[in-house]
Amino acid sequence: MKTMNIKEELTRVSVELFASQGYAKTSVQQIVDAAGVTKGALYHYFNSKDDLLFDIYDRILTLQLRNLHEITDRGLPVGETVRLVCEDVIVTSIEWIREGAVFFRSQHMLSPDRMEDVKVRRRQYNEVFGALITRGKTEGVFRDDIPTAVLVANFFANPHYLSFWYQPSGPLTREQVAKQITDLYLTGLRPAHSEGAAL
């Protein structure tokens, strides 16, 4: 196996094993055996099993953060910016639905240090998203009778729940689901006086 592919293979087999038998029941030895590498190779890239689980989440969030900044840098009206950001979160969460399911079902088993890392990474995204919501309130585009923190949490409950009901082989594409969930969310953001108006 090429050196450049070892980390990818370790991540892939970790997702497979965590999904099929659970994080707690998966040993480092099982991971290296499935990847066809030595423990030394694993510890070259990851300090622990904790690191593998965190890396699964970090890959998703790194992609979403990059997309978030690309969208916000366009300088579009805040309503359109939030729409694009929300749709991206849903689409990318579906693209990585198995990885997301593995992480969210196992994150409570992370070490305290790694859980703190997760909180820091989430905060980076949520601060930018929250600033967009606050801006929309200031501009009169979004309702101002609900705290920004509640409005942010209301949206992010959606991608976290996807793995419990969405089937990639089902009748809805990821783009359709992203549009539908985003439409519902933006409808809830409308000020009472603009009922029926499009964001």
C-alpha atoms as a PDB file:
ATOM      1  CA  MET A   1       0.000   0.000   0.000  1.00  0.00           C
ATOM      2  CA  LYS A   2       1.326   3.432  -0.905  1.00  0.00           C
ATOM      3  CA  THR A   3       2.308   5.547   2.104  1.00  0.00           C
ATOM      4  CA  MET A   4      -0.003   8.364   0.996  1.00  0.00           C
ATOM      5  CA  ASN A   5      -2.974   5.979   1.103  1.00  0.00           C
ATOM      6  CA  ILE A   6      -2.371   4.472   4.551  1.00  0.00           C
ATOM      7  CA  LYS A   7      -4.137   7.245   6.458  1.00  0.00           C
ATOM      8  CA  GLU A   8      -7.122   7.089   4.099  1.00  0.00           C
ATOM      9  CA  GLU A   9      -7.346   3.319   4.475  1.00  0.00           C
ATOM     10  CA  LEU A  10      -7.146   3.524   8.260  1.00  0.00           C
ATOM     11  CA  THR A  11      -9.976   6.051   8.255  1.00  0.00           C
ATOM     12  CA  ARG A  12     -12.066   3.965   5.864  1.00  0.00           C
ATOM     13  CA  VAL A  13     -11.783   0.727   7.829  1.00  0.00           C
ATOM     14  CA  SER A  14     -12.359   2.580  11.098  1.00  0.00           C
ATOM     15  CA  VAL A  15     -15.670   3.895   9.790  1.00  0.00           C
ATOM     16  CA  GLU A  16     -16.618   0.385   8.633  1.00  0.00           C
ATOM     17  CA  LEU A  17     -15.772  -1.212  11.965  1.00  0.00           C
ATOM     18  CA  PHE A  18     -17.257   1.532  14.133  1.00  0.00           C
ATOM     19  CA  ALA A  19     -20.465   1.339  12.085  1.00  0.00           C
ATOM     20  CA  SER A  20     -20.761  -2.460  12.135  1.00  0.00           C
ATOM     21  CA  GLN A  21     -19.724  -3.308  15.702  1.00  0.00           C
ATOM     22  CA  GLY A  22     -19.544  -0.015  17.571  1.00  0.00           C
ATOM     23  CA  TYR A  23     -16.692   2.230  18.654  1.00  0.00           C
ATOM     24  CA  ALA A  24     -16.296   0.691  22.112  1.00  0.00           C
ATOM     25  CA  LYS A  25     -16.053  -2.873  20.759  1.00  0.00           C
ATOM     26  CA  THR A  26     -13.520  -2.037  18.061  1.00  0.00           C
ATOM     27  CA  SER A  27      -9.879  -2.507  19.019  1.00  0.00           C
ATOM     28  CA  VAL A  28      -6.818  -0.892  17.512  1.00  0.00           C
ATOM     29  CA  GLN A  29      -5.648  -4.382  16.554  1.00  0.00           C
ATOM     30  CA  GLN A  30      -8.836  -4.986  14.557  1.00  0.00           C
ATOM     31  CA  ILE A  31      -8.352  -1.688  12.749  1.00  0.00           C
ATOM     32  CA  VAL A  32      -4.766  -2.379  11.717  1.00  0.00           C
ATOM     33  CA  ASP A  33      -5.617  -5.946  10.726  1.00  0.00           C
ATOM     34  CA  ALA A  34      -8.465  -4.730   8.502  1.00  0.00           C
ATOM     35  CA  ALA A  35      -6.253  -2.046   6.975  1.00  0.00           C
ATOM     36  CA  GLY A  36      -3.391  -4.467   6.428  1.00  0.00           C
ATOM     37  CA  VAL A  37      -0.850  -2.305   8.274  1.00  0.00           C
ATOM     38  CA  THR A  38       1.068  -2.416  11.551  1.00  0.00           C
ATOM     39  CA  LYS A  39       0.231  -0.609  14.767  1.00  0.00           C
ATOM     40  CA  GLY A  40       3.339   1.463  14.134  1.00  0.00           C
ATOM     41  CA  ALA A  41       1.798   2.697  10.881  1.00  0.00           C
ATOM     42  CA  LEU A  42      -1.410   3.660  12.665  1.00  0.00           C
ATOM     43  CA  TYR A  43       0.452   5.501  15.407  1.00  0.00           C
ATOM     44  CA  HIS A  44       2.392   7.397  12.760  1.00  0.00           C
ATOM     45  CA  TYR A  45      -0.865   9.147  11.803  1.00  0.00           C
ATOM     46  CA  PHE A  46      -3.001   8.850  14.944  1.00  0.00           C
ATOM     47  CA  ASN A  47      -2.087   8.908  18.613  1.00  0.00           C
ATOM     48  CA  SER A  48      -5.064   6.804  19.659  1.00  0.00           C
ATOM     49  CA  LYS A  49      -8.453   5.399  18.672  1.00  0.00           C
ATOM     50  CA  ASP A  50      -9.825   8.723  19.944  1.00  0.00           C
ATOM     51  CA  ASP A  51      -7.868  10.467  17.202  1.00  0.00           C
ATOM     52  CA  LEU A  52      -9.444   8.264  14.559  1.00  0.00           C
ATOM     53  CA  LEU A  53     -12.963   9.102  15.716  1.00  0.00           C
ATOM     54  CA  PHE A  54     -12.156  12.801  15.941  1.00  0.00           C
ATOM     55  CA  ASP A  55     -10.572  12.732  12.468  1.00  0.00           C
ATOM     56  CA  ILE A  56     -13.817  11.363  10.991  1.00  0.00           C
ATOM     57  CA  TYR A  57     -15.681  14.401  12.319  1.00  0.00           C
ATOM     58  CA  ASP A  58     -12.900  16.849  11.542  1.00  0.00           C
ATOM     59  CA  ARG A  59     -12.867  15.882   7.870  1.00  0.00           C
ATOM     60  CA  ILE A  60     -16.562  16.681   7.510  1.00  0.00           C
ATOM     61  CA  LEU A  61     -16.349  19.949   9.397  1.00  0.00           C
ATOM     62  CA  THR A  62     -13.208  21.068   7.550  1.00  0.00           C
ATOM     63  CA  LEU A  63     -15.073  20.660   4.254  1.00  0.00           C
ATOM     64  CA  GLN A  64     -18.113  22.499   5.583  1.00  0.00           C
ATOM     65  CA  LEU A  65     -15.999  25.331   6.993  1.00  0.00           C
ATOM     66  CA  ARG A  66     -14.227  25.767   3.670  1.00  0.00           C
ATOM     67  CA  ASN A  67     -17.569  25.892   1.857  1.00  0.00           C
ATOM     68  CA  LEU A  68     -18.980  28.286   4.468  1.00  0.00           C
ATOM     69  CA  HIS A  69     -16.203  30.804   3.919  1.00  0.00           C
ATOM     70  CA  GLU A  70     -16.430  30.436   0.140  1.00  0.00           C
ATOM     71  CA  ILE A  71     -20.152  31.219   0.277  1.00  0.00           C
ATOM     72  CA  THR A  72     -19.866  34.149   2.697  1.00  0.00           C
ATOM     73  CA  ASP A  73     -17.042  35.649   0.636  1.00  0.00           C
ATOM     74  CA  ARG A  74     -19.435  36.082  -2.304  1.00  0.00           C
ATOM     75  CA  GLY A  75     -21.031  39.091  -0.640  1.00  0.00           C
ATOM     76  CA  LEU A  76     -24.603  38.046  -1.410  1.00  0.00           C
ATOM     77  CA  PRO A  77     -27.656  39.309   0.520  1.00  0.00           C
ATOM     78  CA  VAL A  78     -27.881  37.644   3.923  1.00  0.00           C
ATOM     79  CA  GLY A  79     -31.036  35.655   3.114  1.00  0.00           C
ATOM     80  CA  GLU A  80     -29.441  34.100   0.038  1.00  0.00           C
ATOM     81  CA  THR A  81     -26.182  33.484   1.914  1.00  0.00           C
ATOM     82  CA  VAL A  82     -27.962  31.601   4.698  1.00  0.00           C
ATOM     83  CA  ARG A  83     -29.919  29.592   2.127  1.00  0.00           C
ATOM     84  CA  LEU A  84     -26.732  28.486   0.365  1.00  0.00           C
ATOM     85  CA  VAL A  85     -24.972  27.695   3.641  1.00  0.00           C
ATOM     86  CA  CYS A  86     -27.886  25.611   4.936  1.00  0.00           C
ATOM     87  CA  GLU A  87     -28.202  23.689   1.694  1.00  0.00           C
ATOM     88  CA  ASP A  88     -24.476  22.989   1.714  1.00  0.00           C
ATOM     89  CA  VAL A  89     -24.594  21.633   5.267  1.00  0.00           C
ATOM     90  CA  ILE A  90     -27.379  19.213   4.348  1.00  0.00           C
ATOM     91  CA  VAL A  91     -25.800  18.101   1.065  1.00  0.00           C
ATOM     92  CA  THR A  92     -22.364  17.497   2.602  1.00  0.00           C
ATOM     93  CA  SER A  93     -23.894  15.779   5.629  1.00  0.00           C
ATOM     94  CA  ILE A  94     -25.664  13.366   3.272  1.00  0.00           C
ATOM     95  CA  GLU A  95     -22.471  12.837   1.263  1.00  0.00           C
ATOM     96  CA  TRP A  96     -20.752  11.853   4.526  1.00  0.00           C
ATOM     97  CA  ILE A  97     -23.816  10.329   6.175  1.00  0.00           C
ATOM     98  CA  ARG A  98     -22.165   7.131   7.370  1.00  0.00           C
ATOM     99  CA  GLU A  99     -19.196   8.974   8.827  1.00  0.00           C
ATOM    100  CA  GLY A 100     -21.517  11.440  10.540  1.00  0.00           C
ATOM    101  CA  ALA A 101     -23.642   8.647  11.998  1.00  0.00           C
ATOM    102  CA  VAL A 102     -20.568   6.896  13.376  1.00  0.00           C
ATOM    103  CA  PHE A 103     -19.311  10.072  15.004  1.00  0.00           C
ATOM    104  CA  PHE A 104     -22.549  11.323  16.539  1.00  0.00           C
ATOM    105  CA  ARG A 105     -23.384   7.906  17.978  1.00  0.00           C
ATOM    106  CA  SER A 106     -19.936   7.518  19.537  1.00  0.00           C
ATOM    107  CA  GLN A 107     -18.784  11.020  20.441  1.00  0.00           C
ATOM    108  CA  HIS A 108     -19.765  10.596  24.111  1.00  0.00           C
ATOM    109  CA  MET A 109     -16.912   8.068  24.384  1.00  0.00           C
ATOM    110  CA  LEU A 110     -14.242  10.553  23.368  1.00  0.00           C
ATOM    111  CA  SER A 111     -11.695  11.637  25.967  1.00  0.00           C
ATOM    112  CA  PRO A 112     -12.330  15.014  27.674  1.00  0.00           C
ATOM    113  CA  ASP A 113      -9.494  16.586  25.665  1.00  0.00           C
ATOM    114  CA  ARG A 114     -10.909  15.404  22.381  1.00  0.00           C
ATOM    115  CA  MET A 115     -14.426  16.489  23.353  1.00  0.00           C
ATOM    116  CA  GLU A 116     -13.019  19.948  23.976  1.00  0.00           C
ATOM    117  CA  ASP A 117     -11.453  19.867  20.501  1.00  0.00           C
ATOM    118  CA  VAL A 118     -14.885  19.013  19.067  1.00  0.00           C
ATOM    119  CA  LYS A 119     -16.464  21.964  20.892  1.00  0.00           C
ATOM    120  CA  VAL A 120     -13.791  24.326  19.569  1.00  0.00           C
ATOM    121  CA  ARG A 121     -14.299  23.143  15.992  1.00  0.00           C
ATOM    122  CA  ARG A 122     -18.087  23.460  16.259  1.00  0.00           C
ATOM    123  CA  ARG A 123     -17.744  26.908  17.761  1.00  0.00           C
ATOM    124  CA  GLN A 124     -15.702  28.064  14.750  1.00  0.00           C
ATOM    125  CA  TYR A 125     -18.565  27.187  12.418  1.00  0.00           C
ATOM    126  CA  ASN A 126     -21.397  28.290  14.683  1.00  0.00           C
ATOM    127  CA  GLU A 127     -19.879  31.723  15.285  1.00  0.00           C
ATOM    128  CA  VAL A 128     -19.884  32.496  11.556  1.00  0.00           C
ATOM    129  CA  PHE A 129     -23.370  31.045  11.075  1.00  0.00           C
ATOM    130  CA  GLY A 130     -24.648  32.891  14.139  1.00  0.00           C
ATOM    131  CA  ALA A 131     -23.203  36.156  12.844  1.00  0.00           C
ATOM    132  CA  LEU A 132     -25.213  35.677   9.642  1.00  0.00           C
ATOM    133  CA  ILE A 133     -28.401  35.170  11.653  1.00  0.00           C
ATOM    134  CA  THR A 134     -27.671  38.261  13.749  1.00  0.00           C
ATOM    135  CA  ARG A 135     -27.016  40.266  10.607  1.00  0.00           C
ATOM    136  CA  GLY A 136     -30.327  39.103   9.173  1.00  0.00           C
ATOM    137  CA  LYS A 137     -32.087  40.237  12.342  1.00  0.00           C
ATOM    138  CA  THR A 138     -30.416  43.659  12.162  1.00  0.00           C
ATOM    139  CA  GLU A 139     -31.464  44.053   8.530  1.00  0.00           C
ATOM    140  CA  GLY A 140     -35.039  43.045   9.328  1.00  0.00           C
ATOM    141  CA  VAL A 141     -34.823  39.924   7.179  1.00  0.00           C
ATOM    142  CA  PHE A 142     -35.037  37.453  10.080  1.00  0.00           C
ATOM    143  CA  ARG A 143     -37.252  37.444  13.157  1.00  0.00           C
ATOM    144  CA  ASP A 144     -35.753  39.048  16.251  1.00  0.00           C
ATOM    145  CA  ASP A 145     -38.010  37.580  18.938  1.00  0.00           C
ATOM    146  CA  ILE A 146     -35.939  34.405  19.387  1.00  0.00           C
ATOM    147  CA  PRO A 147     -32.297  34.349  20.577  1.00  0.00           C
ATOM    148  CA  THR A 148     -29.720  33.706  17.872  1.00  0.00           C
ATOM    149  CA  ALA A 149     -28.357  30.693  19.780  1.00  0.00           C
ATOM    150  CA  VAL A 150     -31.784  29.020  19.611  1.00  0.00           C
ATOM    151  CA  LEU A 151     -32.130  29.722  15.893  1.00  0.00           C
ATOM    152  CA  VAL A 152     -28.668  28.277  15.230  1.00  0.00           C
ATOM    153  CA  ALA A 153     -29.376  25.150  17.294  1.00  0.00           C
ATOM    154  CA  ASN A 154     -32.730  24.725  15.548  1.00  0.00           C
ATOM    155  CA  PHE A 155     -31.050  24.344  12.183  1.00  0.00           C
ATOM    156  CA  PHE A 156     -28.188  22.082  13.237  1.00  0.00           C
ATOM    157  CA  ALA A 157     -30.547  19.539  14.747  1.00  0.00           C
ATOM    158  CA  ASN A 158     -31.456  18.711  11.127  1.00  0.00           C
ATOM    159  CA  PRO A 159     -28.131  17.356   9.805  1.00  0.00           C
ATOM    160  CA  HIS A 160     -27.488  15.473  13.054  1.00  0.00           C
ATOM    161  CA  TYR A 161     -30.740  13.560  12.608  1.00  0.00           C
ATOM    162  CA  LEU A 162     -30.328  12.692   8.921  1.00  0.00           C
ATOM    163  CA  SER A 163     -28.785   9.274   9.487  1.00  0.00           C
ATOM    164  CA  PHE A 164     -31.870   8.144  11.398  1.00  0.00           C
ATOM    165  CA  TRP A 165     -34.233   8.547   8.459  1.00  0.00           C
ATOM    166  CA  TYR A 166     -32.561   9.458   5.163  1.00  0.00           C
ATOM    167  CA  GLN A 167     -31.884   6.638   2.717  1.00  0.00           C
ATOM    168  CA  PRO A 168     -29.474   7.464  -0.144  1.00  0.00           C
ATOM    169  CA  SER A 169     -31.253   4.807  -2.229  1.00  0.00           C
ATOM    170  CA  GLY A 170     -34.654   6.374  -1.527  1.00  0.00           C
ATOM    171  CA  PRO A 171     -36.793   8.622  -3.741  1.00  0.00           C
ATOM    172  CA  LEU A 172     -35.306  11.953  -2.594  1.00  0.00           C
ATOM    173  CA  THR A 173     -31.960  13.241  -3.806  1.00  0.00           C
ATOM    174  CA  ARG A 174     -29.645  15.015  -1.381  1.00  0.00           C
ATOM    175  CA  GLU A 175     -30.297  18.283  -3.230  1.00  0.00           C
ATOM    176  CA  GLN A 176     -34.066  17.886  -2.863  1.00  0.00           C
ATOM    177  CA  VAL A 177     -33.746  17.186   0.850  1.00  0.00           C
ATOM    178  CA  ALA A 178     -31.395  20.146   1.275  1.00  0.00           C
ATOM    179  CA  LYS A 179     -33.855  22.491  -0.426  1.00  0.00           C
ATOM    180  CA  GLN A 180     -36.851  21.202   1.520  1.00  0.00           C
ATOM    181  CA  ILE A 181     -35.184  21.401   4.937  1.00  0.00           C
ATOM    182  CA  THR A 182     -33.746  24.826   4.140  1.00  0.00           C
ATOM    183  CA  ASP A 183     -37.127  26.126   2.950  1.00  0.00           C
ATOM    184  CA  LEU A 184     -38.718  25.007   6.213  1.00  0.00           C
ATOM    185  CA  TYR A 185     -35.956  26.637   8.242  1.00  0.00           C
ATOM    186  CA  LEU A 186     -36.074  29.932   6.370  1.00  0.00           C
ATOM    187  CA  THR A 187     -39.855  30.029   6.695  1.00  0.00           C
ATOM    188  CA  GLY A 188     -39.398  29.842  10.445  1.00  0.00           C
ATOM    189  CA  LEU A 189     -36.894  32.710  10.322  1.00  0.00           C
ATOM    190  CA  ARG A 190     -39.313  35.150   8.694  1.00  0.00           C
ATOM    191  CA  PRO A 191     -40.506  38.083  10.789  1.00  0.00           C
ATOM    192  CA  ALA A 192     -44.222  37.900  11.602  1.00  0.00           C
ATOM    193  CA  HIS A 193     -44.952  41.014   9.505  1.00  0.00           C
ATOM    194  CA  SER A 194     -43.450  39.404   6.378  1.00  0.00           C
ATOM    195  CA  GLU A 195     -45.479  36.195   6.452  1.00  0.00           C
ATOM    196  CA  GLY A 196     -45.546  34.734   2.977  1.00  0.00           C
ATOM    197  CA  ALA A 197     -42.609  36.770   1.705  1.00  0.00           C
ATOM    198  CA  ALA A 198     -39.668  34.942   0.193  1.00  0.00           C
ATOM    199  CA  LEU A 199     -36.205  35.198   1.742  1.00  0.00           C
END
